[in-house]
N, C-alpha and C. Protein backbone atom coordinates (compact mmCIF):
# COMPACT_ATOMS: atom_id res chain seq x y z
N UNK A 1 -29.09 -7.43 2.08
CA UNK A 1 -28.22 -6.99 1.59
C UNK A 1 -28.81 -5.95 0.69
N UNK A 2 -27.31 -5.16 0.66
CA UNK A 2 -27.31 -3.67 0.22
C UNK A 2 -27.92 -3.30 -1.48
N UNK A 3 -28.69 -2.34 -1.29
CA UNK A 3 -29.38 -2.07 -2.50
C UNK A 3 -28.73 -1.23 -3.75
N UNK A 4 -27.19 -1.05 -3.46
CA UNK A 4 -26.81 0.01 -4.80
C UNK A 4 -25.41 -1.28 -5.19
N UNK A 5 -25.03 -1.13 -6.03
CA UNK A 5 -23.96 -1.71 -6.58
C UNK A 5 -22.91 -1.52 -5.98
N UNK A 6 -22.42 -3.35 -5.91
CA UNK A 6 -20.56 -3.16 -5.38
C UNK A 6 -19.86 -2.42 -6.27
N UNK A 7 -18.70 -1.74 -4.98
CA UNK A 7 -17.19 -1.27 -5.92
C UNK A 7 -16.90 -2.39 -6.44
N UNK A 8 -16.43 -3.26 -5.71
CA UNK A 8 -15.64 -4.51 -6.16
C UNK A 8 -16.44 -6.08 -5.61
N UNK A 9 -16.13 -6.74 -6.59
CA UNK A 9 -16.86 -8.13 -6.16
C UNK A 9 -15.36 -8.88 -6.62
N UNK A 10 -15.64 -9.77 -5.39
CA UNK A 10 -14.89 -11.06 -5.46
C UNK A 10 -15.62 -12.53 -5.58
N UNK A 11 -14.72 -13.41 -6.30
CA UNK A 11 -14.96 -14.86 -6.11
C UNK A 11 -13.92 -15.66 -5.79
N UNK A 12 -14.57 -16.47 -5.21
CA UNK A 12 -13.37 -17.80 -4.52
C UNK A 12 -13.29 -18.64 -5.71
N UNK A 13 -11.64 -19.08 -6.02
CA UNK A 13 -11.50 -19.98 -7.19
C UNK A 13 -11.04 -21.27 -6.62
N UNK A 14 -11.48 -21.34 -5.31
CA UNK A 14 -10.76 -22.84 -4.55
C UNK A 14 -9.17 -22.72 -4.91
N UNK A 15 -8.59 -23.39 -4.07
CA UNK A 15 -7.30 -23.59 -3.75
C UNK A 15 -6.64 -22.30 -3.10
N UNK A 16 -7.59 -22.06 -2.12
CA UNK A 16 -7.20 -20.77 -1.47
C UNK A 16 -6.77 -19.64 -2.03
N UNK A 17 -7.63 -19.35 -3.24
CA UNK A 17 -7.33 -18.02 -4.56
C UNK A 17 -8.27 -17.12 -4.38
N UNK A 18 -8.58 -15.99 -4.31
CA UNK A 18 -9.35 -15.27 -5.18
C UNK A 18 -9.77 -14.27 -6.53
N UNK A 19 -10.45 -13.94 -7.04
CA UNK A 19 -10.47 -12.82 -8.01
C UNK A 19 -10.86 -11.64 -7.60
N UNK A 20 -10.45 -10.26 -7.53
CA UNK A 20 -11.11 -9.54 -7.48
C UNK A 20 -11.53 -8.46 -8.42
N UNK A 21 -12.40 -8.06 -8.32
CA UNK A 21 -12.67 -7.23 -9.89
C UNK A 21 -13.10 -5.82 -9.56
N UNK A 22 -12.67 -4.94 -10.03
CA UNK A 22 -12.94 -3.10 -9.71
C UNK A 22 -13.97 -2.88 -11.00
N UNK A 23 -15.04 -3.12 -10.16
CA UNK A 23 -16.05 -2.81 -10.90
C UNK A 23 -16.24 -1.73 -12.07
N UNK A 24 -15.92 -0.50 -11.76
CA UNK A 24 -15.65 0.69 -12.59
C UNK A 24 -14.96 0.15 -13.66
N UNK A 25 -14.07 -0.34 -13.78
CA UNK A 25 -12.43 -0.52 -14.93
C UNK A 25 -12.29 -1.84 -15.36
N UNK A 26 -13.19 -3.32 -14.27
CA UNK A 26 -13.11 -4.29 -14.86
C UNK A 26 -11.58 -4.79 -14.64
N UNK A 27 -10.75 -4.05 -14.09
CA UNK A 27 -9.54 -4.58 -13.71
C UNK A 27 -9.92 -5.76 -12.43
N UNK A 28 -8.72 -7.16 -12.59
CA UNK A 28 -8.79 -7.47 -11.26
C UNK A 28 -7.29 -7.88 -11.00
N UNK A 29 -7.78 -8.68 -10.09
CA UNK A 29 -6.35 -9.34 -8.99
C UNK A 29 -6.90 -10.18 -8.47
N UNK A 30 -5.50 -11.09 -8.60
CA UNK A 30 -5.98 -12.65 -8.13
C UNK A 30 -5.28 -12.67 -6.83
N UNK A 31 -5.97 -13.09 -6.15
CA UNK A 31 -4.73 -13.12 -4.47
C UNK A 31 -4.75 -14.78 -4.47
N UNK A 32 -3.38 -15.05 -3.78
CA UNK A 32 -3.23 -17.00 -3.04
C UNK A 32 -2.78 -16.69 -2.05
N UNK A 33 -2.96 -17.63 -1.22
CA UNK A 33 -2.69 -17.70 0.05
C UNK A 33 -1.07 -17.91 0.24
N UNK A 34 -0.16 -17.41 1.38
CA UNK A 34 1.37 -17.61 1.02
C UNK A 34 1.36 -18.65 1.11
N UNK A 35 2.89 -19.47 0.83
CA UNK A 35 2.85 -20.46 1.20
C UNK A 35 3.04 -20.69 2.53
N UNK A 36 3.26 -20.02 3.66
CA UNK A 36 3.26 -20.24 5.30
C UNK A 36 2.19 -20.37 6.12
N UNK A 37 1.11 -20.45 4.84
CA UNK A 37 -0.27 -20.25 5.29
C UNK A 37 -0.91 -21.45 4.44
N UNK A 38 -0.60 -22.28 3.83
CA UNK A 38 -1.62 -23.27 3.35
C UNK A 38 -1.37 -23.28 1.88
N UNK A 39 -0.90 -22.16 0.81
CA UNK A 39 -0.97 -21.69 -0.07
C UNK A 39 0.53 -21.99 -0.84
N UNK A 40 0.01 -21.46 -2.48
CA UNK A 40 0.83 -21.68 -3.14
C UNK A 40 2.03 -20.28 -3.72
N UNK A 41 1.38 -19.34 -3.00
CA UNK A 41 2.17 -18.45 -3.05
C UNK A 41 2.62 -17.73 -4.27
N UNK A 42 1.54 -18.08 -5.81
CA UNK A 42 1.86 -17.72 -6.96
C UNK A 42 1.25 -16.27 -6.78
N UNK A 43 0.96 -15.47 -5.83
CA UNK A 43 0.44 -14.22 -6.56
C UNK A 43 0.41 -13.50 -4.65
N UNK A 44 -0.25 -12.34 -4.99
CA UNK A 44 -0.37 -11.56 -3.76
C UNK A 44 -1.48 -11.89 -2.61
N UNK A 45 -0.72 -12.22 -1.85
CA UNK A 45 -1.58 -12.65 -1.04
C UNK A 45 -2.73 -11.88 -0.30
N UNK A 46 -3.57 -11.39 0.52
CA UNK A 46 -4.30 -10.73 1.24
C UNK A 46 -3.46 -9.47 1.79
N UNK A 47 -2.66 -9.65 2.76
CA UNK A 47 -1.81 -9.12 3.86
C UNK A 47 -0.99 -8.50 2.44
N UNK A 48 -0.30 -8.99 1.48
CA UNK A 48 0.78 -8.17 0.30
C UNK A 48 -0.15 -7.02 0.33
N UNK A 49 -1.10 -7.25 -0.18
CA UNK A 49 -2.16 -6.35 -1.05
C UNK A 49 -1.92 -5.28 0.10
N UNK A 50 -2.62 -5.44 1.47
CA UNK A 50 -2.57 -4.19 2.48
C UNK A 50 -1.14 -3.60 2.28
N UNK A 51 -0.20 -4.61 2.26
CA UNK A 51 1.28 -3.82 2.86
C UNK A 51 1.51 -2.72 1.32
N UNK A 52 1.23 -3.46 0.26
CA UNK A 52 1.52 -2.54 -1.15
C UNK A 52 0.52 -1.62 -0.94
N UNK A 53 -0.47 -1.35 -0.24
CA UNK A 53 -1.55 -0.36 -0.46
C UNK A 53 -0.72 0.94 0.36
N UNK A 54 -0.59 0.46 1.41
CA UNK A 54 0.04 1.47 2.14
C UNK A 54 1.56 1.91 1.34
N UNK A 55 2.33 1.57 0.97
CA UNK A 55 3.33 1.71 0.01
C UNK A 55 2.83 2.72 -1.23
N UNK A 56 0.98 2.34 -1.77
CA UNK A 56 0.98 3.45 -2.75
C UNK A 56 0.13 4.27 -2.54
N UNK A 57 -0.89 4.37 -1.28
CA UNK A 57 -1.06 5.44 -0.34
C UNK A 57 -0.18 6.75 -0.52
N UNK A 58 1.20 6.16 0.14
CA UNK A 58 1.90 7.10 0.56
C UNK A 58 2.57 7.84 -0.68
N UNK A 59 3.00 7.16 -1.33
CA UNK A 59 3.43 7.79 -2.96
C UNK A 59 2.04 8.75 -3.41
N UNK A 60 1.14 8.91 -3.07
CA UNK A 60 -0.22 9.58 -3.83
C UNK A 60 -0.16 10.39 -3.04
N UNK A 61 -0.64 10.43 -1.78
CA UNK A 61 -0.22 11.30 -0.99
C UNK A 61 0.76 11.80 -0.84
N UNK A 62 1.75 11.55 -1.48
CA UNK A 62 3.12 12.61 -1.30
C UNK A 62 2.69 13.41 -2.78
N UNK A 63 2.25 12.64 -3.60
CA UNK A 63 2.65 13.30 -5.52
C UNK A 63 1.89 14.43 -5.24
N UNK A 64 0.52 13.88 -4.39
CA UNK A 64 -0.78 14.94 -4.06
C UNK A 64 -0.16 16.56 -3.48
N UNK A 65 0.67 16.04 -2.64
CA UNK A 65 0.94 17.63 -2.12
C UNK A 65 2.17 18.58 -3.24
N UNK A 66 2.53 17.57 -4.11
CA UNK A 66 3.57 18.07 -4.30
C UNK A 66 3.26 18.86 -5.52
N UNK A 67 2.18 18.40 -6.18
CA UNK A 67 1.32 19.10 -7.34
C UNK A 67 1.00 20.41 -6.20
N UNK A 68 0.23 20.52 -5.04
CA UNK A 68 0.31 21.55 -4.51
C UNK A 68 1.00 22.55 -4.64
N UNK A 69 2.26 21.92 -4.25
CA UNK A 69 3.34 23.01 -4.04
C UNK A 69 4.18 23.43 -5.24
N UNK A 70 3.28 22.98 -6.72
CA UNK A 70 3.94 23.14 -7.94
C UNK A 70 5.25 22.20 -8.08
N UNK A 71 5.51 21.00 -7.53
CA UNK A 71 6.36 20.44 -8.12
C UNK A 71 5.98 18.56 -8.08
N UNK A 72 6.93 18.37 -8.80
CA UNK A 72 6.68 16.87 -9.38
C UNK A 72 7.42 15.94 -9.51
N UNK A 73 7.66 14.91 -8.41
CA UNK A 73 8.62 13.55 -8.51
C UNK A 73 8.89 13.33 -9.94
N UNK A 74 10.08 13.42 -10.49
CA UNK A 74 10.00 12.53 -11.77
C UNK A 74 10.57 11.20 -11.74
N UNK A 75 10.80 10.67 -10.60
CA UNK A 75 10.46 9.00 -10.58
C UNK A 75 10.15 9.11 -8.52
N UNK A 76 9.61 8.21 -8.85
CA UNK A 76 9.36 7.73 -7.18
C UNK A 76 9.25 6.23 -7.32
N UNK A 77 9.71 5.17 -6.18
CA UNK A 77 9.54 4.11 -5.98
C UNK A 77 9.81 3.76 -4.98
N UNK A 78 9.12 2.38 -4.77
CA UNK A 78 9.26 2.31 -3.14
C UNK A 78 9.31 0.48 -3.21
N UNK A 79 10.38 -0.09 -1.97
CA UNK A 79 10.54 -1.20 -1.49
C UNK A 79 9.68 -1.93 -0.73
N UNK A 80 9.05 -2.84 -0.31
CA UNK A 80 8.31 -2.96 1.18
C UNK A 80 8.04 -4.08 1.82
N UNK A 81 8.46 -4.25 2.98
CA UNK A 81 9.11 -5.91 3.80
C UNK A 81 8.05 -5.64 4.22
N UNK A 82 7.20 -6.89 4.60
CA UNK A 82 5.88 -6.80 5.90
C UNK A 82 6.38 -8.12 6.36
N UNK A 83 6.06 -7.79 7.83
CA UNK A 83 6.67 -8.97 8.61
C UNK A 83 5.06 -9.42 9.67
N UNK A 84 5.31 -10.56 9.14
CA UNK A 84 3.94 -11.61 10.42
C UNK A 84 4.23 -11.70 11.75
N UNK A 85 2.85 -11.73 12.21
CA UNK A 85 3.19 -11.90 13.85
C UNK A 85 2.16 -13.30 13.79
N UNK A 86 2.23 -13.49 14.70
CA UNK A 86 1.23 -15.11 15.24
C UNK A 86 0.99 -14.68 16.67
N UNK A 87 -0.07 -15.22 16.89
CA UNK A 87 -0.87 -15.43 18.10
C UNK A 87 -1.70 -14.31 18.15
N UNK A 88 -2.46 -13.33 17.59
CA UNK A 88 -2.74 -13.80 16.91
C UNK A 88 -2.32 -13.59 15.10
N UNK A 89 -2.12 -14.44 14.11
CA UNK A 89 -1.80 -14.22 13.17
C UNK A 89 -2.17 -13.01 12.55
N UNK A 90 -0.89 -11.87 11.90
CA UNK A 90 -1.61 -10.62 11.42
C UNK A 90 -0.24 -9.86 11.32
N UNK A 91 -0.60 -8.52 10.29
CA UNK A 91 0.69 -8.04 9.65
C UNK A 91 1.30 -7.20 11.04
N UNK A 92 2.48 -7.53 11.51
CA UNK A 92 3.28 -6.70 12.62
C UNK A 92 3.75 -5.64 12.35
N UNK A 93 4.43 -5.43 10.95
CA UNK A 93 5.32 -4.89 10.83
C UNK A 93 5.22 -4.37 9.17
N UNK A 94 5.01 -3.49 8.60
CA UNK A 94 5.38 -2.88 7.44
C UNK A 94 6.63 -1.59 7.35
N UNK A 95 7.70 -1.87 6.40
CA UNK A 95 8.72 -1.43 6.18
C UNK A 95 8.81 -0.90 5.23
N UNK A 96 8.91 0.32 4.19
CA UNK A 96 8.70 0.97 2.89
C UNK A 96 10.18 1.65 3.18
N UNK A 97 11.16 1.86 2.18
CA UNK A 97 11.71 2.40 1.64
C UNK A 97 11.53 3.14 0.33
N UNK A 98 11.08 4.77 0.32
CA UNK A 98 10.91 5.61 -0.44
C UNK A 98 11.87 6.36 -1.36
N UNK A 99 12.25 6.28 -2.12
CA UNK A 99 13.04 6.71 -3.37
C UNK A 99 12.46 7.94 -4.07
N UNK A 100 13.37 9.11 -4.14
CA UNK A 100 11.86 10.29 -4.60
C UNK A 100 13.12 10.66 -5.46
N UNK A 101 12.97 11.17 -6.65
CA UNK A 101 13.58 12.04 -7.31
C UNK A 101 13.03 13.54 -7.58
N UNK A 102 13.39 14.34 -6.95
CA UNK A 102 12.30 15.88 -7.15
C UNK A 102 13.65 16.34 -6.96
N UNK A 103 14.84 16.83 -7.93
CA UNK A 103 16.16 17.70 -7.56
C UNK A 103 15.50 18.75 -7.15
N UNK A 104 14.44 19.52 -7.54
CA UNK A 104 13.90 20.80 -7.33
C UNK A 104 13.39 21.37 -6.20
N UNK A 105 13.24 20.29 -5.00
CA UNK A 105 12.51 20.34 -3.83
C UNK A 105 13.62 20.76 -2.74
N UNK A 106 13.55 22.03 -1.91
CA UNK A 106 14.35 22.09 -1.12
C UNK A 106 14.24 21.44 0.26
N UNK A 107 14.94 21.55 1.12
CA UNK A 107 14.93 20.77 2.41
C UNK A 107 13.56 21.53 2.72
N UNK A 108 12.94 22.18 3.37
CA UNK A 108 11.96 22.72 4.00
C UNK A 108 10.72 21.92 3.26
N UNK A 109 10.56 21.93 1.95
CA UNK A 109 9.74 21.18 0.94
C UNK A 109 9.52 19.66 1.11
N UNK A 110 10.68 19.22 1.28
CA UNK A 110 11.00 17.69 1.45
C UNK A 110 10.53 17.11 3.09
N UNK A 111 10.57 18.15 4.12
CA UNK A 111 10.33 17.98 5.40
C UNK A 111 8.54 17.48 5.31
N UNK A 112 8.08 18.79 4.38
CA UNK A 112 6.49 19.22 4.65
C UNK A 112 5.75 17.62 3.56
N UNK A 113 6.39 17.47 2.67
CA UNK A 113 6.04 15.81 2.02
C UNK A 113 6.14 15.12 2.70
N UNK A 114 7.08 15.01 3.95
CA UNK A 114 7.51 13.46 4.16
C UNK A 114 6.36 13.89 5.41
N UNK A 115 6.14 14.57 6.20
CA UNK A 115 4.74 14.72 7.33
C UNK A 115 3.77 14.75 6.81
N UNK A 116 3.76 14.76 4.95
CA UNK A 116 2.21 14.73 4.65
C UNK A 116 1.53 13.68 4.32
N UNK A 117 2.36 12.41 4.17
CA UNK A 117 2.20 11.02 4.14
C UNK A 117 1.85 10.40 5.62
N UNK A 118 1.61 11.14 6.69
CA UNK A 118 1.20 10.43 8.31
C UNK A 118 -0.51 10.39 7.51
N UNK A 119 -1.01 11.41 6.83
CA UNK A 119 -2.26 11.66 6.33
C UNK A 119 -3.09 10.69 5.58
N UNK A 120 -2.22 9.52 5.13
CA UNK A 120 -2.52 8.23 4.42
C UNK A 120 -3.93 7.82 4.91
N UNK A 121 -4.65 7.88 4.40
CA UNK A 121 -5.59 7.03 4.81
C UNK A 121 -5.64 5.37 4.83
N UNK A 122 -4.80 4.72 4.57
CA UNK A 122 -4.47 3.47 4.42
C UNK A 122 -3.53 3.29 5.97
N UNK A 123 -2.72 4.35 5.86
CA UNK A 123 -2.05 4.40 7.48
C UNK A 123 -3.19 4.35 8.55
N UNK A 124 -4.03 5.05 8.03
CA UNK A 124 -4.95 5.53 9.32
C UNK A 124 -5.74 4.27 9.48
N UNK A 125 -6.15 3.83 8.86
CA UNK A 125 -7.05 2.79 8.80
C UNK A 125 -6.30 0.85 9.64
N UNK A 126 -5.23 1.26 9.55
CA UNK A 126 -4.59 -0.40 10.05
C UNK A 126 -4.34 -0.25 11.32
N UNK A 127 -4.26 -1.51 12.01
CA UNK A 127 -4.23 -1.46 13.85
C UNK A 127 -3.34 -0.96 13.84
N UNK A 128 -3.72 0.13 15.15
CA UNK A 128 -2.73 0.83 15.86
C UNK A 128 -1.23 -0.06 16.63
N UNK A 129 -1.62 -1.32 16.72
CA UNK A 129 -0.73 -2.53 17.01
C UNK A 129 0.11 -2.56 15.91
N UNK A 130 0.34 -2.09 14.67
CA UNK A 130 1.20 -2.18 13.89
C UNK A 130 1.85 -1.74 13.28
N UNK A 131 3.03 -1.68 13.48
CA UNK A 131 3.99 -0.37 13.51
C UNK A 131 4.21 -0.42 11.94
N UNK A 132 4.63 0.60 11.35
CA UNK A 132 4.61 1.36 10.17
C UNK A 132 5.72 2.22 10.03
N UNK A 133 6.46 1.95 9.27
CA UNK A 133 8.03 2.55 8.86
C UNK A 133 8.14 3.11 7.63
N UNK A 134 8.50 4.21 7.14
CA UNK A 134 8.63 4.61 6.03
C UNK A 134 9.44 5.32 6.19
N UNK A 135 11.25 5.28 5.50
CA UNK A 135 12.54 5.79 5.00
C UNK A 135 12.13 6.85 4.27
N UNK A 136 12.78 7.66 3.75
CA UNK A 136 12.69 8.55 2.64
C UNK A 136 14.31 8.60 2.26
N UNK A 137 14.13 8.72 0.73
CA UNK A 137 15.50 8.83 0.18
C UNK A 137 15.48 9.59 -1.22
N UNK A 138 15.94 10.81 -0.76
CA UNK A 138 15.52 11.72 -1.66
C UNK A 138 17.15 11.30 -2.76
N UNK A 139 16.80 11.60 -4.38
CA UNK A 139 18.08 12.02 -5.46
C UNK A 139 17.64 12.89 -5.93
């Protein structure tokens, strides 16, 4: 056993569901297995969380770089699609449509911000065979 306190704790609730607790904040997240894998699909599955984490990470990295450039997105939103593969069952593809409202950003600044998102730690942690596509839509 590790001697230091855990960052997160998980409890199995039965019926293919878990509760994750973020120890510092007390925030909890419920997971459920997807319908196509014997679950009820009534909450995020673990692979949904991975796909959503990629979108969240891309948005966060972009916002950090924007702040460093004295810019601030007034609005940012993402739509995410996850494609599962079989044999083995895994995330095969994650596609993100990222819409950013930052009218003061120049074309050059937008290019820099888009390139910066490649430094997302979640993206760097995914298996190399996982296809990651981020489409940027500037408004």
